[in-house]
Amino acid sequence: MIYSMTAFARCAFDGNGGRYTWELRSVNHRYAEIFIRMPEDFRNLEPELRAKLLHRLKRGKIDCNLRVEADTATSRIVVNEAQARAVIDAARKVSALTGSNEALKSIDVLQWPGVLEVENTDVEVMSKDISIAFDEALDQLIETRAREGEKLGALISQRCDGVSTQIAELRTRVPEIIALTRDRYVQRLQDYVQELDSARVEQECALLLQKLDIAEELDRLEAHLQEVRRVVNEGSPAGRRLDFLMQELNREANTVGSKSSHIDSSTASVELKVLIEQMREQIQNIE
């Protein structure tokens, strides 16, 4: 199964010491980039949470936000007086340097990281519940990425069918197109030259038709298309490989267009590039 990199999950968990709400957002990114925002009292959990994310998610920009609503009946918030004094002293020094008379408000001191703390005994209990809530939110996020990935896989499969149809039509039409091109070339020669050397004409036609032959390009298109289907069925991580295959498909489609000598092959080339571009846009969101 392939996974989308775009998803959202929200999990609220009522545990010991309060209510813990995780919000996880994931968008497409070339690599795995993680941002975790949580109260300073629980920063010791960050390495563990980051490791969980990297173990289960290979690509994407993931924003994780934790909101803690402490239960005042079971926990107690205390003021770190040493930290508060340090903040006040620093503010006074800055005021002296700048000549500012603006008074420092108590609420400003309380909002400084580390001034307000939850008692250590409560932090340990709360950390376990926070980790449990994070696991639930991560499961939801991955489930959403899986559902989105299933839809993306279906869209890519439809576009692959469209590319296969164009290849099949080109294979059917190529012999006729070659014959028409040869007849048109011979007719043009006859319009300018009264007596033609049939051997030379055949030689020139052979060279021209060799340049216009797209059989190899169609073979490579089919080979790349088979690989796209295989990678999608194999599952994530698949985004980078699929992106490379889109480049190769587009290269072959451009060559088909450059060799075109008939309106039908030109139209097929344009349709191929449209289908490939539609796939490429969807693949940007695949892990």
Protein backbone atom coordinates (compact mmCIF):
# COMPACT_ATOMS: atom_id res chain seq x y z
CA MET A 1 0.00 0.00 0.00
CA ILE A 2 1.18 3.51 -0.77
CA TYR A 3 0.69 6.33 1.72
CA SER A 4 -0.12 9.98 1.17
CA MET A 5 2.00 12.59 2.94
CA THR A 6 -1.04 14.79 3.55
CA ALA A 7 -3.07 14.02 6.67
CA PHE A 8 -4.41 15.38 9.95
CA ALA A 9 -5.12 13.69 13.29
CA ARG A 10 -6.43 14.91 16.63
CA CYS A 11 -6.52 12.87 19.81
CA ALA A 12 -7.78 14.01 23.24
CA PHE A 13 -6.86 11.75 26.16
CA ASP A 14 -8.17 12.06 29.71
CA GLY A 15 -5.47 10.67 31.97
CA ASN A 16 -3.84 11.12 35.33
CA GLY A 17 -3.33 14.76 36.10
CA GLY A 18 -5.34 16.26 33.27
CA ARG A 19 -6.45 16.19 29.65
CA TYR A 20 -3.88 15.87 26.85
CA THR A 21 -4.70 16.84 23.28
CA TRP A 22 -2.37 16.08 20.38
CA GLU A 23 -2.82 17.58 16.93
CA LEU A 24 -0.67 16.10 14.16
CA ARG A 25 -0.46 17.66 10.70
CA SER A 26 1.43 16.14 7.79
CA VAL A 27 2.13 17.68 4.37
CA ASN A 28 4.36 16.70 1.48
CA HIS A 29 8.10 17.24 1.80
CA ARG A 30 11.18 15.85 0.12
CA TYR A 31 12.48 14.38 3.39
CA ALA A 32 11.15 13.64 6.87
CA GLU A 33 10.98 16.94 8.76
CA ILE A 34 9.50 16.95 12.26
CA PHE A 35 8.43 19.83 14.51
CA ILE A 36 7.18 19.08 18.03
CA ARG A 37 5.65 21.77 20.22
CA MET A 38 4.86 20.98 23.86
CA PRO A 39 5.16 22.55 27.33
CA GLU A 40 8.74 22.76 28.60
CA ASP A 41 7.98 20.38 31.48
CA PHE A 42 7.62 17.51 29.02
CA ARG A 43 10.55 18.27 26.68
CA ASN A 44 12.30 15.11 27.88
CA LEU A 45 9.72 13.16 25.83
CA GLU A 46 10.75 14.71 22.53
CA PRO A 47 13.53 12.24 21.54
CA GLU A 48 11.21 9.29 22.19
CA LEU A 49 8.35 10.83 20.19
CA ARG A 50 10.65 11.83 17.35
CA ALA A 51 11.99 8.26 17.15
CA LYS A 52 8.43 6.90 16.92
CA LEU A 53 7.64 9.22 14.04
CA LEU A 54 10.79 8.40 12.10
CA HIS A 55 10.19 4.68 12.59
CA ARG A 56 6.74 4.82 11.01
CA LEU A 57 6.92 7.79 8.63
CA LYS A 58 9.59 8.00 5.95
CA ARG A 59 8.75 11.34 4.30
CA GLY A 60 6.72 14.46 4.95
CA LYS A 61 6.72 17.59 7.06
CA ILE A 62 5.00 16.69 10.34
CA ASP A 63 3.86 19.29 12.88
CA CYS A 64 2.98 17.94 16.33
CA ASN A 65 1.26 20.18 18.88
CA LEU A 66 0.42 19.19 22.46
CA ARG A 67 -2.05 21.05 24.65
CA VAL A 68 -2.14 20.15 28.33
CA GLU A 69 -5.09 21.00 30.55
CA ALA A 70 -3.93 20.16 34.06
CA ASP A 71 -6.39 18.77 36.58
CA THR A 72 -6.05 21.16 39.50
CA ALA A 73 -7.60 18.60 41.82
CA THR A 74 -4.75 16.11 41.33
CA SER A 75 -1.78 18.29 40.36
CA ARG A 76 -0.19 21.48 41.61
CA ILE A 77 1.50 24.18 39.61
CA VAL A 78 4.43 25.87 41.39
CA VAL A 79 6.58 28.89 40.63
CA ASN A 80 10.28 28.35 40.03
CA GLU A 81 11.43 31.33 42.12
CA ALA A 82 15.05 31.12 41.00
CA GLN A 83 14.03 31.22 37.35
CA ALA A 84 11.60 34.07 38.02
CA ARG A 85 14.31 36.15 39.78
CA ALA A 86 16.69 35.53 36.88
CA VAL A 87 14.08 36.78 34.40
CA ILE A 88 13.37 39.89 36.53
CA ASP A 89 17.08 40.68 36.95
CA ALA A 90 17.67 40.27 33.21
CA ALA A 91 14.74 42.60 32.46
CA ARG A 92 16.14 45.27 34.82
CA LYS A 93 19.56 45.11 33.17
CA VAL A 94 18.04 45.47 29.71
CA SER A 95 15.94 48.43 30.93
CA ALA A 96 19.07 50.12 32.33
CA LEU A 97 20.92 49.63 29.06
CA THR A 98 18.08 50.95 26.92
CA GLY A 99 16.93 53.66 29.31
CA SER A 100 13.38 52.32 29.22
CA ASN A 101 11.08 52.91 32.19
CA GLU A 102 8.51 50.32 31.12
CA ALA A 103 7.54 48.17 34.10
CA LEU A 104 7.79 44.42 33.86
CA LYS A 105 4.38 42.82 34.31
CA SER A 106 3.91 39.73 36.44
CA ILE A 107 2.12 37.92 33.63
CA ASP A 108 5.17 38.42 31.41
CA VAL A 109 7.35 36.72 34.01
CA LEU A 110 4.91 33.82 34.39
CA GLN A 111 4.82 33.25 30.62
CA TRP A 112 8.57 32.81 30.46
CA PRO A 113 9.56 29.15 29.90
CA GLY A 114 10.49 27.38 33.10
CA VAL A 115 8.92 29.86 35.54
CA LEU A 116 5.75 27.80 36.01
CA GLU A 117 6.30 24.12 36.70
CA VAL A 118 4.21 21.08 37.45
CA GLU A 119 5.41 19.11 40.46
CA ASN A 120 7.92 16.44 39.41
CA THR A 121 5.82 13.58 40.78
CA ASP A 122 2.94 14.63 38.54
CA VAL A 123 5.17 15.13 35.49
CA GLU A 124 6.28 11.52 35.50
CA VAL A 125 2.72 10.23 35.62
CA MET A 126 1.52 12.72 33.05
CA SER A 127 4.39 11.91 30.66
CA LYS A 128 3.21 8.31 30.35
CA ASP A 129 -0.31 9.42 29.47
CA ILE A 130 1.04 11.96 27.00
CA SER A 131 3.01 9.20 25.28
CA ILE A 132 -0.11 7.01 25.10
CA ALA A 133 -2.12 9.87 23.62
CA PHE A 134 0.63 10.49 21.07
CA ASP A 135 0.55 6.83 19.97
CA GLU A 136 -3.20 7.07 19.37
CA ALA A 137 -2.83 10.29 17.38
CA LEU A 138 -0.02 8.76 15.31
CA ASP A 139 -2.17 5.72 14.53
CA GLN A 140 -4.95 8.02 13.33
CA LEU A 141 -2.50 10.00 11.20
CA ILE A 142 -1.18 6.86 9.51
CA GLU A 143 -4.71 5.57 8.91
CA THR A 144 -5.59 8.85 7.21
CA ARG A 145 -2.41 8.73 5.12
CA ALA A 146 -3.33 5.17 4.11
CA ARG A 147 -6.85 6.16 3.01
CA GLU A 148 -5.52 9.09 1.02
CA GLY A 149 -2.81 6.86 -0.44
CA GLU A 150 -5.42 4.35 -1.60
CA LYS A 151 -7.22 7.12 -3.49
CA LEU A 152 -3.98 8.34 -5.03
CA GLY A 153 -3.13 4.79 -6.09
CA ALA A 154 -6.52 4.49 -7.84
CA LEU A 155 -5.96 7.79 -9.67
CA ILE A 156 -2.50 6.70 -10.82
CA SER A 157 -3.89 3.36 -11.98
CA GLN A 158 -6.53 5.15 -14.08
CA ARG A 159 -3.88 7.34 -15.69
CA CYS A 160 -1.72 4.28 -16.38
CA ASP A 161 -4.67 2.70 -18.17
CA GLY A 162 -4.98 5.87 -20.23
CA VAL A 163 -1.29 5.74 -21.18
CA SER A 164 -1.66 2.06 -22.13
CA THR A 165 -4.60 2.94 -24.36
CA GLN A 166 -2.58 5.62 -26.17
CA ILE A 167 0.35 3.22 -26.67
CA ALA A 168 -1.96 0.55 -28.09
CA GLU A 169 -3.56 3.03 -30.48
CA LEU A 170 -0.16 4.25 -31.64
CA ARG A 171 1.01 0.70 -32.32
CA THR A 172 -2.10 0.15 -34.43
CA ARG A 173 -1.72 3.40 -36.34
CA VAL A 174 2.07 3.48 -36.83
CA PRO A 175 2.19 1.14 -39.89
CA GLU A 176 -0.52 3.19 -41.61
CA ILE A 177 1.19 6.47 -40.66
CA ILE A 178 4.50 5.20 -42.04
CA ALA A 179 2.85 4.17 -45.32
CA LEU A 180 1.13 7.55 -45.64
CA THR A 181 4.39 9.37 -44.89
CA ARG A 182 6.25 7.33 -47.50
CA ASP A 183 3.62 7.99 -50.17
CA ARG A 184 3.63 11.71 -49.39
CA TYR A 185 7.42 11.86 -49.58
CA VAL A 186 7.51 10.04 -52.94
CA GLN A 187 4.76 12.30 -54.31
CA ARG A 188 6.73 15.40 -53.35
CA LEU A 189 9.81 14.06 -55.11
CA GLN A 190 7.77 13.37 -58.23
CA ASP A 191 6.46 16.92 -58.19
CA TYR A 192 10.01 18.25 -58.48
CA VAL A 193 11.81 15.54 -60.45
CA GLN A 194 10.39 13.99 -63.63
CA GLU A 195 12.57 10.89 -63.71
CA LEU A 196 13.25 9.19 -60.38
CA ASP A 197 15.88 6.64 -59.50
CA SER A 198 13.70 4.09 -57.74
CA ALA A 199 16.63 2.62 -55.82
CA ARG A 200 17.65 6.04 -54.54
CA VAL A 201 14.06 6.85 -53.64
CA GLU A 202 13.74 3.65 -51.63
CA GLN A 203 17.02 4.41 -49.88
CA GLU A 204 15.90 7.93 -48.94
CA CYS A 205 12.52 6.66 -47.79
CA ALA A 206 14.16 4.04 -45.62
CA LEU A 207 16.33 6.68 -43.94
CA LEU A 208 13.38 8.97 -43.39
CA LEU A 209 11.13 6.26 -41.98
CA GLN A 210 13.91 5.03 -39.73
CA LYS A 211 14.07 8.48 -38.17
CA LEU A 212 10.30 8.51 -37.71
CA ASP A 213 10.04 5.01 -36.24
CA ILE A 214 8.78 5.13 -32.62
CA ALA A 215 8.66 1.41 -31.87
CA GLU A 216 11.55 1.64 -29.39
CA GLU A 217 9.97 4.59 -27.62
CA LEU A 218 6.69 2.71 -27.28
CA ASP A 219 8.54 -0.31 -25.88
CA ARG A 220 10.26 1.86 -23.28
CA LEU A 221 6.98 3.56 -22.41
CA GLU A 222 5.42 0.17 -21.74
CA ALA A 223 8.42 -0.92 -19.66
CA HIS A 224 8.29 2.23 -17.52
CA LEU A 225 4.53 1.87 -17.15
CA GLN A 226 4.92 -1.70 -15.88
CA GLU A 227 7.45 -0.46 -13.33
CA VAL A 228 5.05 2.26 -12.17
CA ARG A 229 2.35 -0.35 -11.54
CA ARG A 230 4.84 -2.60 -9.72
CA VAL A 231 6.05 0.21 -7.45
CA VAL A 232 2.50 1.28 -6.59
CA ASN A 233 1.53 -2.31 -5.74
CA GLU A 234 4.71 -2.80 -3.71
CA GLY A 235 3.80 0.12 -1.44
CA SER A 236 5.53 2.97 0.38
CA PRO A 237 8.04 4.45 0.42
CA ALA A 238 7.50 4.89 -3.31
CA GLY A 239 7.29 8.63 -4.02
CA ARG A 240 10.86 9.25 -5.12
CA ARG A 241 11.00 6.21 -7.40
CA LEU A 242 7.67 7.13 -8.97
CA ASP A 243 8.84 10.70 -9.51
CA PHE A 244 11.89 9.41 -11.38
CA LEU A 245 9.71 7.15 -13.51
CA MET A 246 7.52 10.12 -14.43
CA GLN A 247 10.61 11.88 -15.76
CA GLU A 248 11.47 8.87 -17.91
CA LEU A 249 7.91 8.54 -19.20
CA ASN A 250 7.85 12.22 -20.08
CA ARG A 251 11.18 11.90 -21.90
CA GLU A 252 9.81 9.12 -24.11
CA ALA A 253 6.55 11.00 -24.74
CA ASN A 254 8.57 14.04 -25.88
CA THR A 255 10.56 11.86 -28.27
CA VAL A 256 7.35 10.44 -29.72
CA GLY A 257 6.17 14.00 -30.29
CA SER A 258 9.44 15.07 -31.93
CA LYS A 259 9.23 12.13 -34.35
CA SER A 260 5.62 12.77 -35.20
CA SER A 261 4.78 13.08 -38.90
CA HIS A 262 0.99 12.80 -38.62
CA ILE A 263 -1.74 14.58 -36.69
CA ASP A 264 -2.75 11.34 -34.94
CA SER A 265 0.71 10.70 -33.48
CA SER A 266 1.00 14.37 -32.48
CA THR A 267 -2.33 14.19 -30.67
CA ALA A 268 -1.34 10.95 -28.95
CA SER A 269 1.93 12.53 -27.80
CA VAL A 270 0.09 15.47 -26.26
CA GLU A 271 -2.38 13.14 -24.54
CA LEU A 272 0.50 11.07 -23.17
CA LYS A 273 2.16 14.13 -21.68
CA VAL A 274 -1.12 15.29 -20.15
CA LEU A 275 -1.66 11.91 -18.46
CA ILE A 276 1.94 11.77 -17.25
CA GLU A 277 1.71 15.29 -15.82
CA GLN A 278 -1.49 14.38 -13.99
CA MET A 279 0.27 11.41 -12.43
CA ARG A 280 3.32 13.51 -11.52
CA GLU A 281 1.14 16.03 -9.66
CA GLN A 282 -0.44 13.28 -7.56
CA ILE A 283 2.89 11.58 -6.91
CA GLN A 284 4.19 14.75 -5.21
CA ASN A 285 1.93 13.78 -2.26
CA ILE A 286 3.04 10.14 -2.03
CA GLU A 287 5.41 9.06 0.72
